[in-house]
């Protein structure tokens, strides 16, 4: 189940259990165990070292069951660098014993073994742990056993002769899917050190996200997650999955923008042998493979009209045909979709089907960009600093005030994913216990000034209209966020002037906590020393303290 890491961050569970009493909530809080380290975002293919670092810093474990010594040797050689621990067994009985003792992340299974058939072993593996991705090895491209296993839920199959690149690619994807299904996504308002992936944030917009997850997770409905790239859409999808009634079944992810257009249809729906040039064998698609489970379709706005029409039919009827086939296949898949595109505009332009849009848009979760949640930047920095220091083995204990100021001023166009990248780059450059500005990427040092901060003087001199006109002339593509930021700067500096710089009184007047006010002061570049001013613009003196 999804674990709530911070005692205050109970929005998801409270939303799911509206009738929970205060006493029950108290007991639940006492029972919730603390967890260890968190992972990052995104569902693109990761290296094995990144997969290990994302969980407990232990390498993934792969069990290979095959009676051919050359195959076992090839798998050992494929991962001789140690980024994956390879366990081997030369019979079904030995493999099942190892499975029970070592609990591997992935099982690679030969179709033909001397003591049992591949399907019999697969069914036993499913009984032990239905979430273990099983990859079959087959000597022929027309193996009915392998195809039948895929229909029953096997992850993939490898054709002999095997190659190192082929082995590493398939095993890497299987390890990542295993992590998606097994590592819960937690919620925290503060920096956490957990073995779970974590949605970090305490702003009102993120609280709404947590509540929305709680409302929709247990319902068997399609969910559309909207937000810019890097905001955490995949984490939200996994949080919904871990809170749903389908958590015992597979969770698979497909990035519609990352798969070449001709192959996406086959990836989703499968194909028959000979369906097109290069289709040398039958393929089971994700909709068939994931029956009973949850399919996360990222970047759905990038689907072609043909794929859109077939996805619409699955949503309406839970039926489809493989590419090149006539047999109608029944499935039972919950779809969680995500996009950073303006689907409404795409519908108006004829680029996206209106009926599919209405089907996907049954329940929508909006993820705010990081620039609209400045109060969360500090906690994100603290959280990922703890994580990356551990992962990279660096002896960095803190961020200098000067570096922190630059990080808080930066607008983060790449959102949380960019914050992770910047912090990791800085730690790799660091040579001492303190992260100083020199270690930050140049673009962060040079772009620390936000358009709203630089325009603070314009607000006092010519008002809002002058500022908006200037930004329109500059062809701003983020005017709404810029105006909100400038409004916050104006309001907070005006209230601080009124309270002669007393932050407690200012927080009371604003109706926010003092901690929230401090975070906003840092994020907006407001300085309280001899004058209350916006630091990017010394001319914008508001008041003497």
Protein backbone atom coordinates (compact mmCIF):
# COMPACT_ATOMS: atom_id res chain seq x y z
CA UNK A 1 0.00 0.00 0.00
CA UNK A 2 1.02 3.61 -0.34
CA UNK A 3 2.77 4.81 2.81
CA UNK A 4 2.22 8.28 4.23
CA UNK A 5 5.58 9.48 5.46
CA UNK A 6 4.75 12.70 7.29
CA UNK A 7 2.16 12.68 10.05
CA UNK A 8 0.60 15.86 8.70
CA UNK A 9 0.45 14.55 5.14
CA UNK A 10 -2.60 12.33 5.56
CA UNK A 11 -4.68 13.93 2.83
CA UNK A 12 -4.82 10.83 0.64
CA UNK A 13 -5.83 8.39 3.36
CA UNK A 14 -8.24 10.85 4.97
CA UNK A 15 -9.94 11.44 1.63
CA UNK A 16 -10.31 7.70 1.05
CA UNK A 17 -11.75 7.14 4.54
CA UNK A 18 -14.01 10.12 5.13
CA UNK A 19 -15.58 8.51 8.20
CA UNK A 20 -12.31 7.92 10.06
CA UNK A 21 -12.56 9.03 13.67
CA UNK A 22 -9.96 11.20 15.45
CA UNK A 23 -9.05 8.23 17.66
CA UNK A 24 -8.56 5.96 14.65
CA UNK A 25 -6.46 8.66 12.99
CA UNK A 26 -4.30 8.94 16.13
CA UNK A 27 -3.76 5.17 16.18
CA UNK A 28 -2.91 5.14 12.48
CA UNK A 29 -0.35 7.89 12.98
CA UNK A 30 1.32 5.93 15.77
CA UNK A 31 1.40 2.79 13.66
CA UNK A 32 2.82 4.43 10.53
CA UNK A 33 6.51 3.47 10.48
CA UNK A 34 9.14 5.89 9.30
CA UNK A 35 10.74 4.92 6.04
CA UNK A 36 14.23 5.32 4.49
CA UNK A 37 15.23 6.96 1.10
CA UNK A 38 13.24 8.30 -1.82
CA UNK A 39 13.51 8.04 -5.53
CA UNK A 40 13.13 10.46 -8.42
CA UNK A 41 10.70 11.03 -11.21
CA UNK A 42 10.20 10.06 -14.76
CA UNK A 43 9.72 6.64 -16.29
CA UNK A 44 12.39 6.72 -18.98
CA UNK A 45 14.81 3.82 -19.13
CA UNK A 46 17.40 4.08 -16.37
CA UNK A 47 20.83 2.52 -15.92
CA UNK A 48 21.09 -0.33 -13.42
CA UNK A 49 23.18 1.84 -11.10
CA UNK A 50 20.40 4.46 -11.11
CA UNK A 51 17.81 1.78 -10.41
CA UNK A 52 19.88 0.55 -7.48
CA UNK A 53 20.38 4.06 -6.15
CA UNK A 54 16.68 4.79 -6.48
CA UNK A 55 15.77 2.13 -3.97
CA UNK A 56 18.13 0.84 -1.27
CA UNK A 57 21.48 1.17 -3.05
CA UNK A 58 21.47 -2.63 -3.57
CA UNK A 59 21.77 -3.96 -7.11
CA UNK A 60 18.68 -5.60 -8.65
CA UNK A 61 18.62 -9.41 -8.45
CA UNK A 62 17.84 -11.48 -11.54
CA UNK A 63 17.19 -15.22 -11.38
CA UNK A 64 17.96 -17.12 -14.61
CA UNK A 65 16.45 -20.63 -14.90
CA UNK A 66 17.87 -22.55 -17.86
CA UNK A 67 19.44 -25.97 -18.32
CA UNK A 68 21.87 -24.66 -20.95
CA UNK A 69 25.21 -23.76 -19.26
CA UNK A 70 26.12 -21.40 -22.13
CA UNK A 71 23.00 -19.30 -21.50
CA UNK A 72 23.75 -19.06 -17.78
CA UNK A 73 27.32 -18.04 -18.60
CA UNK A 74 26.12 -15.38 -21.06
CA UNK A 75 23.90 -13.78 -18.40
CA UNK A 76 26.77 -13.73 -15.90
CA UNK A 77 29.02 -12.10 -18.50
CA UNK A 78 26.32 -9.57 -19.44
CA UNK A 79 26.32 -8.25 -15.87
CA UNK A 80 29.91 -8.92 -14.84
CA UNK A 81 30.32 -5.26 -13.88
CA UNK A 82 28.17 -5.99 -10.82
CA UNK A 83 25.29 -3.65 -11.58
CA UNK A 84 22.95 -6.66 -11.43
CA UNK A 85 23.27 -9.70 -9.16
CA UNK A 86 22.69 -12.81 -11.29
CA UNK A 87 21.41 -16.00 -9.66
CA UNK A 88 21.27 -19.15 -11.78
CA UNK A 89 19.45 -22.48 -11.65
CA UNK A 90 19.61 -25.36 -14.13
CA UNK A 91 16.21 -26.89 -13.35
CA UNK A 92 12.68 -25.85 -12.42
CA UNK A 93 12.90 -27.29 -8.91
CA UNK A 94 16.20 -25.54 -8.20
CA UNK A 95 14.82 -22.31 -9.61
CA UNK A 96 11.68 -22.38 -7.46
CA UNK A 97 13.79 -23.07 -4.37
CA UNK A 98 16.05 -20.10 -5.15
CA UNK A 99 12.99 -17.94 -5.85
CA UNK A 100 11.57 -18.67 -2.41
CA UNK A 101 14.90 -18.07 -0.66
CA UNK A 102 16.24 -14.99 -2.44
CA UNK A 103 13.14 -13.10 -3.68
CA UNK A 104 14.63 -11.84 -7.00
CA UNK A 105 13.42 -8.74 -8.82
CA UNK A 106 13.18 -10.44 -12.23
CA UNK A 107 12.99 -14.06 -13.39
CA UNK A 108 14.35 -15.18 -16.76
CA UNK A 109 12.86 -18.56 -17.63
CA UNK A 110 13.57 -21.04 -20.41
CA UNK A 111 10.48 -22.40 -22.17
CA UNK A 112 11.76 -25.98 -22.18
CA UNK A 113 13.24 -27.40 -18.97
CA UNK A 114 13.94 -31.08 -18.22
CA UNK A 115 11.66 -31.44 -15.18
CA UNK A 116 8.71 -29.08 -15.88
CA UNK A 117 7.19 -26.99 -18.67
CA UNK A 118 7.70 -23.25 -18.78
CA UNK A 119 3.99 -22.52 -18.30
CA UNK A 120 3.77 -24.73 -15.20
CA UNK A 121 6.68 -22.90 -13.61
CA UNK A 122 5.25 -19.54 -14.62
CA UNK A 123 1.97 -20.35 -12.85
CA UNK A 124 3.86 -21.33 -9.68
CA UNK A 125 5.91 -18.13 -9.83
CA UNK A 126 2.66 -16.18 -10.16
CA UNK A 127 1.31 -17.88 -7.05
CA UNK A 128 4.44 -16.95 -5.08
CA UNK A 129 4.62 -13.34 -6.31
CA UNK A 130 2.35 -12.13 -9.12
CA UNK A 131 4.36 -8.91 -9.46
CA UNK A 132 7.67 -10.50 -10.49
CA UNK A 133 8.33 -9.71 -14.18
CA UNK A 134 9.01 -13.01 -15.95
CA UNK A 135 11.02 -12.98 -19.17
CA UNK A 136 10.89 -16.18 -21.26
CA UNK A 137 13.69 -17.52 -23.44
CA UNK A 138 12.59 -19.33 -26.56
CA UNK A 139 14.49 -20.84 -29.46
CA UNK A 140 11.87 -20.02 -32.09
CA UNK A 141 9.88 -16.95 -33.00
CA UNK A 142 6.61 -18.88 -33.23
CA UNK A 143 6.62 -20.48 -29.78
CA UNK A 144 2.98 -20.92 -28.72
CA UNK A 145 4.10 -21.41 -25.12
CA UNK A 146 5.83 -18.02 -24.99
CA UNK A 147 2.82 -16.31 -26.56
CA UNK A 148 0.45 -18.02 -24.16
CA UNK A 149 2.64 -16.91 -21.25
CA UNK A 150 2.53 -13.32 -22.49
CA UNK A 151 -1.26 -13.51 -22.63
CA UNK A 152 -1.24 -14.71 -19.00
CA UNK A 153 0.92 -11.80 -17.90
CA UNK A 154 4.59 -12.59 -18.57
CA UNK A 155 6.63 -9.44 -19.12
CA UNK A 156 8.51 -10.29 -22.34
CA UNK A 157 10.45 -12.98 -24.11
CA UNK A 158 13.93 -13.25 -25.64
CA UNK A 159 14.69 -15.09 -28.86
CA UNK A 160 17.79 -17.22 -29.26
CA UNK A 161 20.51 -16.58 -30.22
CA UNK A 162 20.82 -14.10 -27.37
CA UNK A 163 22.95 -10.95 -27.43
CA UNK A 164 24.38 -8.97 -24.53
CA UNK A 165 22.65 -5.74 -25.60
CA UNK A 166 19.32 -7.50 -25.95
CA UNK A 167 19.66 -9.09 -22.52
CA UNK A 168 20.65 -5.84 -20.82
CA UNK A 169 17.85 -3.83 -22.43
CA UNK A 170 15.04 -6.24 -21.57
CA UNK A 171 16.30 -6.91 -18.04
CA UNK A 172 16.71 -3.19 -17.42
CA UNK A 173 13.10 -2.49 -18.40
CA UNK A 174 11.89 -5.43 -16.31
CA UNK A 175 13.82 -4.20 -13.25
CA UNK A 176 12.28 -0.75 -13.66
CA UNK A 177 8.75 -2.17 -13.94
CA UNK A 178 9.43 -4.24 -10.81
CA UNK A 179 10.40 -1.06 -8.97
CA UNK A 180 7.27 0.74 -10.21
CA UNK A 181 5.06 -2.04 -8.84
CA UNK A 182 6.91 -2.66 -5.58
CA UNK A 183 8.16 0.74 -4.40
CA UNK A 184 5.24 2.68 -2.90
CA UNK A 185 4.89 6.39 -3.54
CA UNK A 186 4.69 8.34 -0.29
CA UNK A 187 3.65 11.89 0.50
CA UNK A 188 5.57 14.26 2.72
CA UNK A 189 5.51 17.95 3.61
CA UNK A 190 9.11 17.89 4.83
CA UNK A 191 12.42 16.40 3.73
CA UNK A 192 12.22 12.63 4.11
CA UNK A 193 14.76 9.82 4.20
CA UNK A 194 12.80 6.81 3.01
CA UNK A 195 12.94 3.65 0.93
CA UNK A 196 9.88 4.90 -0.92
CA UNK A 197 9.43 7.25 -3.83
CA UNK A 198 8.00 10.47 -2.50
CA UNK A 199 5.78 13.29 -3.67
CA UNK A 200 7.23 16.24 -1.78
CA UNK A 201 5.27 19.43 -1.19
CA UNK A 202 3.25 21.35 1.35
CA UNK A 203 1.73 24.14 -0.76
CA UNK A 204 -2.04 24.30 -1.21
CA UNK A 205 -1.86 23.08 -4.81
CA UNK A 206 0.02 19.92 -3.79
CA UNK A 207 -2.41 19.31 -0.94
CA UNK A 208 -5.18 19.35 -3.55
CA UNK A 209 -3.21 16.78 -5.57
CA UNK A 210 -2.96 14.45 -2.55
CA UNK A 211 -6.69 14.76 -1.90
CA UNK A 212 -7.49 14.07 -5.56
CA UNK A 213 -5.38 10.89 -5.47
CA UNK A 214 -7.32 9.74 -2.43
CA UNK A 215 -10.68 10.45 -4.06
CA UNK A 216 -10.02 8.63 -7.31
CA UNK A 217 -7.56 5.82 -6.43
CA UNK A 218 -10.16 3.27 -5.34
CA UNK A 219 -12.53 4.11 -8.20
CA UNK A 220 -12.23 2.11 -11.41
CA UNK A 221 -12.20 5.19 -13.65
CA UNK A 222 -9.79 6.69 -16.17
CA UNK A 223 -7.59 9.47 -14.81
CA UNK A 224 -5.89 12.25 -16.77
CA UNK A 225 -2.82 13.80 -15.12
CA UNK A 226 -1.85 17.18 -16.54
CA UNK A 227 1.30 19.17 -15.93
CA UNK A 228 4.54 20.34 -17.43
CA UNK A 229 7.43 17.98 -18.03
CA UNK A 230 9.25 17.14 -14.82
CA UNK A 231 6.43 17.89 -12.39
CA UNK A 232 5.97 14.28 -11.23
CA UNK A 233 3.12 12.86 -13.34
CA UNK A 234 4.49 9.32 -13.21
CA UNK A 235 4.75 9.45 -9.41
CA UNK A 236 1.10 10.48 -9.18
CA UNK A 237 0.12 7.61 -11.51
CA UNK A 238 1.97 5.14 -9.33
CA UNK A 239 0.43 6.59 -6.17
CA UNK A 240 -3.02 6.00 -7.68
CA UNK A 241 -2.04 2.43 -8.59
CA UNK A 242 -0.70 1.63 -5.10
CA UNK A 243 -3.93 2.90 -3.53
CA UNK A 244 -6.22 1.08 -5.97
CA UNK A 245 -7.94 -2.28 -5.84
CA UNK A 246 -5.68 -3.39 -8.73
CA UNK A 247 -2.43 -3.21 -6.78
CA UNK A 248 -1.99 -7.01 -6.90
CA UNK A 249 -2.00 -6.89 -10.71
CA UNK A 250 0.59 -5.42 -13.11
CA UNK A 251 1.44 -1.76 -13.53
CA UNK A 252 2.97 -1.04 -16.95
CA UNK A 253 4.07 2.28 -18.44
CA UNK A 254 4.23 3.41 -22.05
CA UNK A 255 5.66 6.75 -23.20
CA UNK A 256 3.72 7.51 -26.38
CA UNK A 257 6.22 10.20 -27.40
CA UNK A 258 9.30 7.99 -26.96
CA UNK A 259 8.18 5.10 -29.19
CA UNK A 260 8.45 5.61 -32.96
CA UNK A 261 5.06 6.23 -34.54
CA UNK A 262 4.90 2.96 -36.57
CA UNK A 263 5.73 0.87 -33.47
CA UNK A 264 3.38 2.45 -30.92
CA UNK A 265 0.30 0.65 -32.25
CA UNK A 266 2.10 -2.68 -31.98
CA UNK A 267 3.40 -1.82 -28.50
CA UNK A 268 -0.12 -1.15 -27.23
CA UNK A 269 -2.22 -3.69 -29.14
CA UNK A 270 0.30 -6.33 -30.28
CA UNK A 271 0.47 -7.77 -33.77
CA UNK A 272 0.09 -11.02 -35.66
CA UNK A 273 2.95 -12.69 -37.48
CA UNK A 274 3.36 -11.11 -40.91
CA UNK A 275 1.26 -8.05 -40.04
CA UNK A 276 3.98 -5.84 -41.52
CA UNK A 277 7.57 -6.08 -42.74
CA UNK A 278 9.69 -7.31 -39.85
CA UNK A 279 6.79 -8.84 -37.90
CA UNK A 280 8.39 -12.27 -37.81
CA UNK A 281 6.36 -13.51 -34.84
CA UNK A 282 3.18 -12.79 -32.96
CA UNK A 283 3.50 -10.05 -30.30
CA UNK A 284 1.30 -9.51 -27.26
CA UNK A 285 0.64 -5.83 -26.63
CA UNK A 286 0.41 -3.91 -23.37
CA UNK A 287 -3.40 -3.86 -23.27
CA UNK A 288 -3.51 -7.64 -23.42
CA UNK A 289 -0.51 -8.17 -21.17
CA UNK A 290 -1.83 -5.79 -18.52
CA UNK A 291 -5.35 -7.23 -18.22
CA UNK A 292 -6.55 -6.84 -14.65
CA UNK A 293 -3.94 -4.18 -13.96
CA UNK A 294 -3.14 -0.54 -14.68
CA UNK A 295 -1.56 0.96 -17.79
CA UNK A 296 0.09 4.37 -17.51
CA UNK A 297 0.10 6.12 -20.89
CA UNK A 298 2.39 9.13 -20.76
CA UNK A 299 2.27 11.90 -23.39
CA UNK A 300 -1.04 10.77 -24.85
CA UNK A 301 -1.18 13.97 -26.90
CA UNK A 302 1.49 12.49 -29.18
CA UNK A 303 -0.64 9.57 -30.40
CA UNK A 304 -1.54 9.38 -34.09
CA UNK A 305 -5.22 9.56 -35.12
CA UNK A 306 -5.26 5.79 -35.82
CA UNK A 307 -3.93 4.92 -32.36
CA UNK A 308 -6.32 7.46 -30.80
CA UNK A 309 -9.31 5.70 -32.36
CA UNK A 310 -8.18 2.28 -31.12
CA UNK A 311 -7.51 3.56 -27.61
CA UNK A 312 -10.98 5.11 -27.60
CA UNK A 313 -12.51 1.72 -28.35
CA UNK A 314 -10.57 0.13 -25.48
CA UNK A 315 -11.88 2.82 -23.13
CA UNK A 316 -15.44 2.30 -24.34
CA UNK A 317 -15.61 -1.47 -24.74
CA UNK A 318 -12.36 -2.94 -23.30
CA UNK A 319 -11.95 -4.74 -26.65
CA UNK A 320 -9.47 -4.51 -29.52
CA UNK A 321 -7.74 -6.49 -32.31
CA UNK A 322 -4.03 -7.01 -32.74
CA UNK A 323 -2.41 -5.32 -35.72
CA UNK A 324 -3.01 -7.56 -38.73
CA UNK A 325 -5.50 -9.75 -36.84
CA UNK A 326 -9.25 -10.36 -36.92
CA UNK A 327 -9.76 -11.90 -33.49
CA UNK A 328 -11.41 -9.54 -31.00
CA UNK A 329 -9.62 -9.64 -27.67
CA UNK A 330 -11.35 -8.78 -24.40
CA UNK A 331 -9.29 -7.08 -21.71
CA UNK A 332 -9.76 -5.35 -18.37
CA UNK A 333 -7.32 -2.44 -18.06
CA UNK A 334 -7.49 0.77 -16.07
CA UNK A 335 -5.87 3.61 -17.99
CA UNK A 336 -4.06 6.48 -16.31
CA UNK A 337 -3.06 9.02 -18.93
CA UNK A 338 -0.73 12.01 -18.73
CA UNK A 339 0.17 14.91 -20.96
CA UNK A 340 1.91 18.27 -20.98
CA UNK A 341 0.02 19.33 -24.12
CA UNK A 342 -2.98 21.63 -24.34
CA UNK A 343 -5.50 18.98 -25.37
CA UNK A 344 -8.31 21.50 -25.68
CA UNK A 345 -6.35 23.44 -28.27
CA UNK A 346 -5.40 20.20 -30.03
CA UNK A 347 -9.08 19.26 -30.22
CA UNK A 348 -9.91 22.70 -31.66
CA UNK A 349 -7.09 22.29 -34.22
CA UNK A 350 -8.28 18.81 -35.22
CA UNK A 351 -5.14 17.12 -33.87
CA UNK A 352 -6.84 15.18 -31.08
CA UNK A 353 -10.19 13.38 -31.09
CA UNK A 354 -12.83 15.20 -29.07
CA UNK A 355 -14.55 11.94 -28.03
CA UNK A 356 -11.25 10.52 -26.75
CA UNK A 357 -10.54 13.74 -24.89
CA UNK A 358 -13.90 13.52 -23.09
CA UNK A 359 -13.24 9.88 -22.21
CA UNK A 360 -9.78 10.64 -20.81
CA UNK A 361 -10.94 13.76 -19.02
CA UNK A 362 -13.33 11.96 -16.67
CA UNK A 363 -11.19 12.83 -13.64
CA UNK A 364 -8.31 15.27 -13.99
CA UNK A 365 -5.39 15.96 -11.65
CA UNK A 366 -3.46 19.18 -12.33
CA UNK A 367 0.18 19.26 -11.21
CA UNK A 368 1.51 22.78 -10.62
CA UNK A 369 4.89 23.80 -12.08
CA UNK A 370 7.62 24.39 -9.53
CA UNK A 371 7.72 28.15 -10.17
CA UNK A 372 4.16 28.35 -8.82
CA UNK A 373 5.08 26.60 -5.57
CA UNK A 374 8.14 28.55 -4.33
CA UNK A 375 7.47 27.51 -0.73
CA UNK A 376 8.26 23.91 -1.74
CA UNK A 377 11.69 24.61 -3.26
CA UNK A 378 13.46 24.62 0.10
CA UNK A 379 12.00 21.30 1.23
CA UNK A 380 12.77 19.75 -2.17
CA UNK A 381 16.38 20.90 -1.92
CA UNK A 382 16.69 19.44 1.57
CA UNK A 383 15.07 16.19 0.47
CA UNK A 384 17.20 15.61 -2.63
CA UNK A 385 20.39 16.80 -0.93
CA UNK A 386 19.97 13.98 1.61
CA UNK A 387 19.28 11.49 -1.14
CA UNK A 388 22.08 12.43 -3.54
CA UNK A 389 24.72 12.80 -0.82
CA UNK A 390 24.03 9.21 0.07
CA UNK A 391 23.88 7.98 -3.51
CA UNK A 392 27.06 9.75 -4.64
CA UNK A 393 29.03 9.15 -1.45
CA UNK A 394 29.72 12.88 -1.02
CA UNK A 395 30.55 14.52 2.31
CA UNK A 396 28.39 17.60 1.75
CA UNK A 397 26.41 18.74 4.78
CA UNK A 398 24.83 22.03 3.77
CA UNK A 399 24.22 24.64 1.06
CA UNK A 400 25.84 28.03 1.53
CA UNK A 401 23.50 31.04 1.91
CA UNK A 402 24.74 32.48 -1.39
CA UNK A 403 24.11 29.22 -3.30
CA UNK A 404 20.77 28.79 -1.59
CA UNK A 405 19.74 32.28 -2.63
CA UNK A 406 20.52 31.49 -6.28
CA UNK A 407 18.60 28.22 -6.12
CA UNK A 408 15.57 29.85 -4.54
CA UNK A 409 15.52 32.67 -7.12
CA UNK A 410 15.84 30.37 -10.12
CA UNK A 411 12.56 29.85 -12.02
CA UNK A 412 13.03 26.07 -12.65
CA UNK A 413 11.58 25.74 -16.17
CA UNK A 414 12.33 22.01 -16.03
CA UNK A 415 10.54 21.70 -12.67
CA UNK A 416 11.45 19.04 -10.10
CA UNK A 417 13.40 16.97 -12.63
CA UNK A 418 15.63 19.96 -13.38
CA UNK A 419 16.11 20.64 -9.67
CA UNK A 420 17.31 17.07 -9.23
CA UNK A 421 19.69 17.41 -12.16
CA UNK A 422 21.13 20.74 -10.98
CA UNK A 423 21.66 19.48 -7.44
CA UNK A 424 23.33 16.29 -8.63
CA UNK A 425 25.65 18.24 -10.97
CA UNK A 426 26.57 20.60 -8.13
CA UNK A 427 27.35 17.71 -5.77
CA UNK A 428 29.57 16.07 -8.37
CA UNK A 429 31.53 19.33 -8.62
CA UNK A 430 31.69 19.87 -4.85
CA UNK A 431 35.05 19.50 -3.13
CA UNK A 432 34.15 20.30 0.46
CA UNK A 433 31.38 19.97 3.04
CA UNK A 434 29.52 23.08 1.81
CA UNK A 435 27.81 23.56 -1.55
CA UNK A 436 28.88 27.02 -2.77
CA UNK A 437 27.76 29.00 -5.86
CA UNK A 438 30.87 28.00 -7.83
CA UNK A 439 29.62 24.41 -7.93
CA UNK A 440 26.25 25.32 -9.46
CA UNK A 441 25.74 25.11 -13.25
CA UNK A 442 26.43 28.41 -15.01
CA UNK A 443 22.84 28.83 -16.24
CA UNK A 444 21.57 28.75 -12.65
CA UNK A 445 24.10 31.37 -11.54
CA UNK A 446 23.32 33.64 -14.48
CA UNK A 447 19.55 33.19 -14.50
CA UNK A 448 18.86 33.58 -10.82
CA UNK A 449 16.98 36.79 -11.51
CA UNK A 450 13.32 36.24 -12.29
CA UNK A 451 11.45 38.56 -14.69
CA UNK A 452 9.07 39.52 -11.90
CA UNK A 453 11.90 40.42 -9.53
CA UNK A 454 13.62 42.53 -12.17
CA UNK A 455 10.34 44.33 -12.85
CA UNK A 456 9.53 45.21 -9.23
CA UNK A 457 10.51 48.82 -9.81
CA UNK A 458 8.17 49.01 -12.81
CA UNK A 459 5.28 48.11 -10.54
CA UNK A 460 5.89 51.08 -8.26
CA UNK A 461 6.71 53.46 -11.09
CA UNK A 462 4.02 52.63 -13.63
CA UNK A 463 1.69 50.08 -12.11
CA UNK A 464 0.45 46.71 -13.29
CA UNK A 465 -0.49 47.87 -16.77
CA UNK A 466 3.08 48.99 -17.50
CA UNK A 467 4.48 45.66 -16.35
CA UNK A 468 1.99 43.59 -18.36
CA UNK A 469 2.57 45.68 -21.49
CA UNK A 470 6.33 45.24 -21.24
CA UNK A 471 6.02 41.47 -20.80
CA UNK A 472 3.61 41.25 -23.74
CA UNK A 473 6.10 43.14 -25.91
CA UNK A 474 8.79 40.74 -24.74
CA UNK A 475 6.57 37.84 -25.98
CA UNK A 476 6.42 36.24 -22.53
CA UNK A 477 5.12 32.67 -22.50
CA UNK A 478 4.64 32.57 -18.75
CA UNK A 479 2.88 35.83 -18.00
CA UNK A 480 0.33 34.40 -15.60
CA UNK A 481 3.03 32.99 -13.29
CA UNK A 482 5.09 36.18 -13.59
CA UNK A 483 2.17 38.36 -12.54
CA UNK A 484 1.37 36.08 -9.60
CA UNK A 485 4.99 36.23 -8.46
CA UNK A 486 5.10 39.99 -8.79
CA UNK A 487 1.82 40.32 -6.91
CA UNK A 488 3.24 38.24 -4.05
CA UNK A 489 6.38 40.39 -3.99
CA UNK A 490 4.35 43.59 -3.86
CA UNK A 491 1.95 42.29 -1.20
CA UNK A 492 4.58 40.82 1.11
CA UNK A 493 6.92 43.83 0.92
CA UNK A 494 3.96 46.18 1.49
CA UNK A 495 2.85 44.24 4.59
CA UNK A 496 6.45 44.07 5.90
CA UNK A 497 6.65 47.84 5.52
CA UNK A 498 3.42 48.15 7.49
CA UNK A 499 4.80 45.92 10.30
CA UNK A 500 8.25 47.59 10.24
CA UNK A 501 9.81 44.28 9.23
CA UNK A 502 8.19 42.21 12.01
CA UNK A 503 7.70 38.82 10.34
CA UNK A 504 5.38 37.42 13.03
CA UNK A 505 2.98 40.33 12.65
CA UNK A 506 3.27 40.18 8.85
CA UNK A 507 2.45 36.45 8.81
CA UNK A 508 -0.60 37.09 11.02
CA UNK A 509 -1.80 39.88 8.73
CA UNK A 510 -1.33 37.69 5.64
CA UNK A 511 -3.04 34.71 7.27
CA UNK A 512 -0.09 32.36 6.73
CA UNK A 513 2.41 30.69 9.03
CA UNK A 514 5.71 32.37 9.83
CA UNK A 515 7.56 29.45 8.22
CA UNK A 516 5.57 29.91 5.02
CA UNK A 517 6.36 33.64 5.07
CA UNK A 518 10.08 32.93 5.51
CA UNK A 519 10.03 30.57 2.54
CA UNK A 520 8.29 33.17 0.38
CA UNK A 521 10.76 35.88 1.45
CA UNK A 522 13.64 33.65 0.34
CA UNK A 523 11.96 32.48 -2.87
CA UNK A 524 10.92 36.00 -3.92
CA UNK A 525 14.29 37.60 -3.20
CA UNK A 526 13.03 39.92 -0.45
CA UNK A 527 15.68 41.15 1.97
CA UNK A 528 15.02 42.48 5.47
CA UNK A 529 18.04 44.33 6.82
CA UNK A 530 18.22 48.11 6.98
CA UNK A 531 15.55 48.29 4.30
CA UNK A 532 12.84 45.97 3.05
CA UNK A 533 13.63 45.52 -0.63
CA UNK A 534 13.64 43.14 -3.58
CA UNK A 535 17.26 42.05 -3.84
CA UNK A 536 17.38 41.86 -7.62
CA UNK A 537 16.42 45.52 -7.80
CA UNK A 538 18.13 47.80 -5.24
CA UNK A 539 16.10 50.74 -6.56
CA UNK A 540 12.89 49.12 -5.38
CA UNK A 541 13.21 50.28 -1.77
CA UNK A 542 9.95 49.72 0.04
CA UNK A 543 10.57 50.90 3.56
CA UNK A 544 13.17 51.36 6.22
CA UNK A 545 12.93 48.95 9.12
